């Protein structure tokens, strides 16, 4: 079954704050969380845990 185009839960991409590499994808509810997501995750290029921010 295909997803609707105007779905509330959309796929987002997380980008490293230092090297700007787009490492992770995730889902979030756009209706409840309107702000951009920030998560501390491991960056393989930096080889350490860095803040990853949502990019659109």
PDB file of N, CA and C in Angstrom:
ATOM      1  N   UNK A   1       0.833  -1.173   0.000  1.00  0.00           N
ATOM      2  CA  UNK A   1       0.000   0.000   0.000  1.00  0.00           C
ATOM      3  C   UNK A   1       0.883   1.243   0.000  1.00  0.00           C
ATOM      4  N   UNK A   2       0.639   2.153  -0.917  1.00  0.00           N
ATOM      5  CA  UNK A   2       1.467   3.345  -1.069  1.00  0.00           C
ATOM      6  C   UNK A   2       1.098   4.398  -0.028  1.00  0.00           C
ATOM      7  N   UNK A   3       2.093   5.210   0.352  1.00  0.00           N
ATOM      8  CA  UNK A   3       1.840   6.290   1.298  1.00  0.00           C
ATOM      9  C   UNK A   3       1.178   7.458   0.597  1.00  0.00           C
ATOM     10  N   UNK A   4       0.399   8.202   1.368  1.00  0.00           N
ATOM     11  CA  UNK A   4      -0.225   9.402   0.839  1.00  0.00           C
ATOM     12  C   UNK A   4       0.825  10.502   0.686  1.00  0.00           C
ATOM     13  N   UNK A   5       0.642  11.396  -0.290  1.00  0.00           N
ATOM     14  CA  UNK A   5       1.628  12.448  -0.511  1.00  0.00           C
ATOM     15  C   UNK A   5       1.581  13.507   0.584  1.00  0.00           C
ATOM     16  N   UNK A   6       0.419  13.797   1.140  1.00  0.00           N
ATOM     17  CA  UNK A   6       0.291  14.784   2.195  1.00  0.00           C
ATOM     18  C   UNK A   6       0.323  14.164   3.574  1.00  0.00           C
ATOM     19  N   UNK A   7       1.142  13.153   3.767  1.00  0.00           N
ATOM     20  CA  UNK A   7       1.193  12.413   5.022  1.00  0.00           C
ATOM     21  C   UNK A   7       1.743  13.292   6.146  1.00  0.00           C
ATOM     22  N   UNK A   8       1.209  13.126   7.349  1.00  0.00           N
ATOM     23  CA  UNK A   8       1.638  13.917   8.500  1.00  0.00           C
ATOM     24  C   UNK A   8       3.035  13.493   8.929  1.00  0.00           C
ATOM     25  N   UNK A   9       3.304  12.187   8.908  1.00  0.00           N
ATOM     26  CA  UNK A   9       4.630  11.696   9.282  1.00  0.00           C
ATOM     27  C   UNK A   9       5.490  11.628   8.027  1.00  0.00           C
ATOM     28  N   UNK A  10       6.439  12.541   7.927  1.00  0.00           N
ATOM     29  CA  UNK A  10       7.301  12.583   6.757  1.00  0.00           C
ATOM     30  C   UNK A  10       8.704  12.124   7.069  1.00  0.00           C
ATOM     31  N   UNK A  11       9.436  11.746   6.044  1.00  0.00           N
ATOM     32  CA  UNK A  11      10.827  11.330   6.197  1.00  0.00           C
ATOM     33  C   UNK A  11      11.693  12.583   6.234  1.00  0.00           C
ATOM     34  N   UNK A  12      12.570  12.677   7.244  1.00  0.00           N
ATOM     35  CA  UNK A  12      13.486  13.807   7.362  1.00  0.00           C
ATOM     36  C   UNK A  12      14.921  13.293   7.282  1.00  0.00           C
ATOM     37  N   UNK A  13      15.842  14.166   6.925  1.00  0.00           N
ATOM     38  CA  UNK A  13      17.256  13.841   6.830  1.00  0.00           C
ATOM     39  C   UNK A  13      18.004  14.600   7.909  1.00  0.00           C
ATOM     40  N   UNK A  14      18.937  13.940   8.583  1.00  0.00           N
ATOM     41  CA  UNK A  14      19.741  14.570   9.627  1.00  0.00           C
ATOM     42  C   UNK A  14      21.148  14.819   9.105  1.00  0.00           C
ATOM     43  N   UNK A  15      21.645  16.037   9.342  1.00  0.00           N
ATOM     44  CA  UNK A  15      22.934  16.470   8.811  1.00  0.00           C
ATOM     45  C   UNK A  15      23.850  16.828   9.973  1.00  0.00           C
ATOM     46  N   UNK A  16      25.117  16.428   9.878  1.00  0.00           N
ATOM     47  CA  UNK A  16      26.102  16.719  10.915  1.00  0.00           C
ATOM     48  C   UNK A  16      26.343  18.226  10.991  1.00  0.00           C
ATOM     49  N   UNK A  17      26.457  18.746  12.200  1.00  0.00           N
ATOM     50  CA  UNK A  17      26.655  20.175  12.386  1.00  0.00           C
ATOM     51  C   UNK A  17      28.043  20.643  12.023  1.00  0.00           C
ATOM     52  N   UNK A  18      29.048  19.765  12.075  1.00  0.00           N
ATOM     53  CA  UNK A  18      30.423  20.175  11.783  1.00  0.00           C
ATOM     54  C   UNK A  18      30.810  19.951  10.325  1.00  0.00           C
ATOM     55  N   UNK A  19      30.700  18.721   9.845  1.00  0.00           N
ATOM     56  CA  UNK A  19      31.182  18.409   8.494  1.00  0.00           C
ATOM     57  C   UNK A  19      30.084  18.478   7.437  1.00  0.00           C
ATOM     58  N   UNK A  20      28.833  18.664   7.832  1.00  0.00           N
ATOM     59  CA  UNK A  20      27.680  18.816   6.932  1.00  0.00           C
ATOM     60  C   UNK A  20      27.350  17.573   6.119  1.00  0.00           C
ATOM     61  N   UNK A  21      27.806  16.419   6.577  1.00  0.00           N
ATOM     62  CA  UNK A  21      27.458  15.177   5.890  1.00  0.00           C
ATOM     63  C   UNK A  21      26.083  14.722   6.339  1.00  0.00           C
ATOM     64  N   UNK A  22      25.276  14.286   5.391  1.00  0.00           N
ATOM     65  CA  UNK A  22      23.923  13.811   5.690  1.00  0.00           C
ATOM     66  C   UNK A  22      23.991  12.320   5.960  1.00  0.00           C
ATOM     67  N   UNK A  23      23.939  11.949   7.261  1.00  0.00           N
ATOM     68  CA  UNK A  23      24.196  10.577   7.677  1.00  0.00           C
ATOM     69  C   UNK A  23      22.941   9.760   7.921  1.00  0.00           C
ATOM     70  N   UNK A  24      21.905  10.357   8.485  1.00  0.00           N
ATOM     71  CA  UNK A  24      20.763   9.599   8.982  1.00  0.00           C
ATOM     72  C   UNK A  24      19.459  10.090   8.369  1.00  0.00           C
ATOM     73  N   UNK A  25      18.482   9.174   8.316  1.00  0.00           N
ATOM     74  CA  UNK A  25      17.112   9.533   7.977  1.00  0.00           C
ATOM     75  C   UNK A  25      16.222   9.058   9.112  1.00  0.00           C
ATOM     76  N   UNK A  26      15.119   9.757   9.313  1.00  0.00           N
ATOM     77  CA  UNK A  26      14.204   9.427  10.385  1.00  0.00           C
ATOM     78  C   UNK A  26      12.816   9.905   9.990  1.00  0.00           C
ATOM     79  N   UNK A  27      11.852   9.677  10.865  1.00  0.00           N
ATOM     80  CA  UNK A  27      10.493  10.149  10.653  1.00  0.00           C
ATOM     81  C   UNK A  27      10.086  10.994  11.833  1.00  0.00           C
ATOM     82  N   UNK A  28       9.225  11.992  11.573  1.00  0.00           N
ATOM     83  CA  UNK A  28       8.666  12.756  12.670  1.00  0.00           C
ATOM     84  C   UNK A  28       7.281  13.227  12.280  1.00  0.00           C
ATOM     85  N   UNK A  29       6.477  13.509  13.281  1.00  0.00           N
ATOM     86  CA  UNK A  29       5.136  14.007  13.069  1.00  0.00           C
ATOM     87  C   UNK A  29       5.229  15.512  12.859  1.00  0.00           C
ATOM     88  N   UNK A  30       4.967  15.975  11.658  1.00  0.00           N
ATOM     89  CA  UNK A  30       5.121  17.393  11.336  1.00  0.00           C
ATOM     90  C   UNK A  30       4.061  18.260  11.999  1.00  0.00           C
ATOM     91  N   UNK A  31       2.942  17.688  12.352  1.00  0.00           N
ATOM     92  CA  UNK A  31       1.884  18.459  12.998  1.00  0.00           C
ATOM     93  C   UNK A  31       2.218  18.744  14.469  1.00  0.00           C
ATOM     94  N   UNK A  32       2.801  17.777  15.180  1.00  0.00           N
ATOM     95  CA  UNK A  32       3.128  17.967  16.595  1.00  0.00           C
ATOM     96  C   UNK A  32       4.469  18.655  16.796  1.00  0.00           C
ATOM     97  N   UNK A  33       5.461  18.368  15.948  1.00  0.00           N
ATOM     98  CA  UNK A  33       6.813  18.911  16.094  1.00  0.00           C
ATOM     99  C   UNK A  33       7.112  19.806  14.899  1.00  0.00           C
ATOM    100  N   UNK A  34       6.856  21.101  15.045  1.00  0.00           N
ATOM    101  CA  UNK A  34       7.071  22.012  13.921  1.00  0.00           C
ATOM    102  C   UNK A  34       8.506  22.515  13.858  1.00  0.00           C
ATOM    103  N   UNK A  35       9.220  22.472  14.979  1.00  0.00           N
ATOM    104  CA  UNK A  35      10.610  22.930  14.995  1.00  0.00           C
ATOM    105  C   UNK A  35      11.529  21.870  14.381  1.00  0.00           C
ATOM    106  N   UNK A  36      12.705  22.310  13.956  1.00  0.00           N
ATOM    107  CA  UNK A  36      13.674  21.363  13.404  1.00  0.00           C
ATOM    108  C   UNK A  36      14.265  20.512  14.516  1.00  0.00           C
ATOM    109  N   UNK A  37      14.457  19.239  14.213  1.00  0.00           N
ATOM    110  CA  UNK A  37      14.921  18.263  15.182  1.00  0.00           C
ATOM    111  C   UNK A  37      16.436  18.343  15.328  1.00  0.00           C
ATOM    112  N   UNK A  38      16.946  18.240  16.567  1.00  0.00           N
ATOM    113  CA  UNK A  38      18.382  18.186  16.839  1.00  0.00           C
ATOM    114  C   UNK A  38      18.656  16.995  17.741  1.00  0.00           C
ATOM    115  N   UNK A  39      19.497  16.086  17.261  1.00  0.00           N
ATOM    116  CA  UNK A  39      19.841  14.878  18.011  1.00  0.00           C
ATOM    117  C   UNK A  39      21.361  14.716  17.990  1.00  0.00           C
ATOM    118  N   UNK A  40      21.916  14.284  19.106  1.00  0.00           N
ATOM    119  CA  UNK A  40      23.348  14.000  19.162  1.00  0.00           C
ATOM    120  C   UNK A  40      23.559  12.559  18.730  1.00  0.00           C
ATOM    121  N   UNK A  41      24.226  12.368  17.579  1.00  0.00           N
ATOM    122  CA  UNK A  41      24.434  11.034  17.017  1.00  0.00           C
ATOM    123  C   UNK A  41      25.884  10.897  16.566  1.00  0.00           C
ATOM    124  N   UNK A  42      26.278   9.673  16.239  1.00  0.00           N
ATOM    125  CA  UNK A  42      27.650   9.385  15.807  1.00  0.00           C
ATOM    126  C   UNK A  42      27.823   9.755  14.337  1.00  0.00           C
ATOM    127  N   UNK A  43      28.868  10.495  14.022  1.00  0.00           N
ATOM    128  CA  UNK A  43      29.210  10.838  12.644  1.00  0.00           C
ATOM    129  C   UNK A  43      30.419  10.013  12.226  1.00  0.00           C
ATOM    130  N   UNK A  44      30.277   9.270  11.143  1.00  0.00           N
ATOM    131  CA  UNK A  44      31.365   8.391  10.708  1.00  0.00           C
ATOM    132  C   UNK A  44      32.523   9.178  10.107  1.00  0.00           C
ATOM    133  N   UNK A  45      32.271  10.329   9.541  1.00  0.00           N
ATOM    134  CA  UNK A  45      33.348  11.137   8.971  1.00  0.00           C
ATOM    135  C   UNK A  45      34.169  11.810  10.075  1.00  0.00           C
ATOM    136  N   UNK A  46      33.491  12.370  11.089  1.00  0.00           N
ATOM    137  CA  UNK A  46      34.175  13.021  12.216  1.00  0.00           C
ATOM    138  C   UNK A  46      34.706  12.015  13.232  1.00  0.00           C
ATOM    139  N   UNK A  47      34.151  10.815  13.221  1.00  0.00           N
ATOM    140  CA  UNK A  47      34.499   9.741  14.148  1.00  0.00           C
ATOM    141  C   UNK A  47      34.251  10.126  15.605  1.00  0.00           C
ATOM    142  N   UNK A  48      33.161  10.833  15.839  1.00  0.00           N
ATOM    143  CA  UNK A  48      32.761  11.186  17.201  1.00  0.00           C
ATOM    144  C   UNK A  48      31.282  11.539  17.201  1.00  0.00           C
ATOM    145  N   UNK A  49      30.729  11.722  18.382  1.00  0.00           N
ATOM    146  CA  UNK A  49      29.322  12.094  18.507  1.00  0.00           C
ATOM    147  C   UNK A  49      29.188  13.605  18.325  1.00  0.00           C
ATOM    148  N   UNK A  50      28.339  14.013  17.409  1.00  0.00           N
ATOM    149  CA  UNK A  50      28.112  15.420  17.087  1.00  0.00           C
ATOM    150  C   UNK A  50      26.616  15.676  17.024  1.00  0.00           C
ATOM    151  N   UNK A  51      26.232  16.940  17.058  1.00  0.00           N
ATOM    152  CA  UNK A  51      24.831  17.321  16.930  1.00  0.00           C
ATOM    153  C   UNK A  51      24.435  17.218  15.465  1.00  0.00           C
ATOM    154  N   UNK A  52      23.357  16.482  15.211  1.00  0.00           N
ATOM    155  CA  UNK A  52      22.806  16.356  13.857  1.00  0.00           C
ATOM    156  C   UNK A  52      21.479  17.103  13.820  1.00  0.00           C
ATOM    157  N   UNK A  53      21.300  17.950  12.804  1.00  0.00           N
ATOM    158  CA  UNK A  53      20.104  18.761  12.673  1.00  0.00           C
ATOM    159  C   UNK A  53      19.307  18.328  11.456  1.00  0.00           C
ATOM    160  N   UNK A  54      18.021  18.562  11.535  1.00  0.00           N
ATOM    161  CA  UNK A  54      17.120  18.241  10.419  1.00  0.00           C
ATOM    162  C   UNK A  54      17.343  19.247   9.282  1.00  0.00           C
ATOM    163  N   UNK A  55      17.430  18.719   8.068  1.00  0.00           N
ATOM    164  CA  UNK A  55      17.492  19.569   6.873  1.00  0.00           C
ATOM    165  C   UNK A  55      16.278  19.263   6.024  1.00  0.00           C
ATOM    166  N   UNK A  56      15.827  20.260   5.287  1.00  0.00           N
ATOM    167  CA  UNK A  56      14.607  20.098   4.491  1.00  0.00           C
ATOM    168  C   UNK A  56      14.919  20.101   3.019  1.00  0.00           C
TER     169      UNK A  56
END
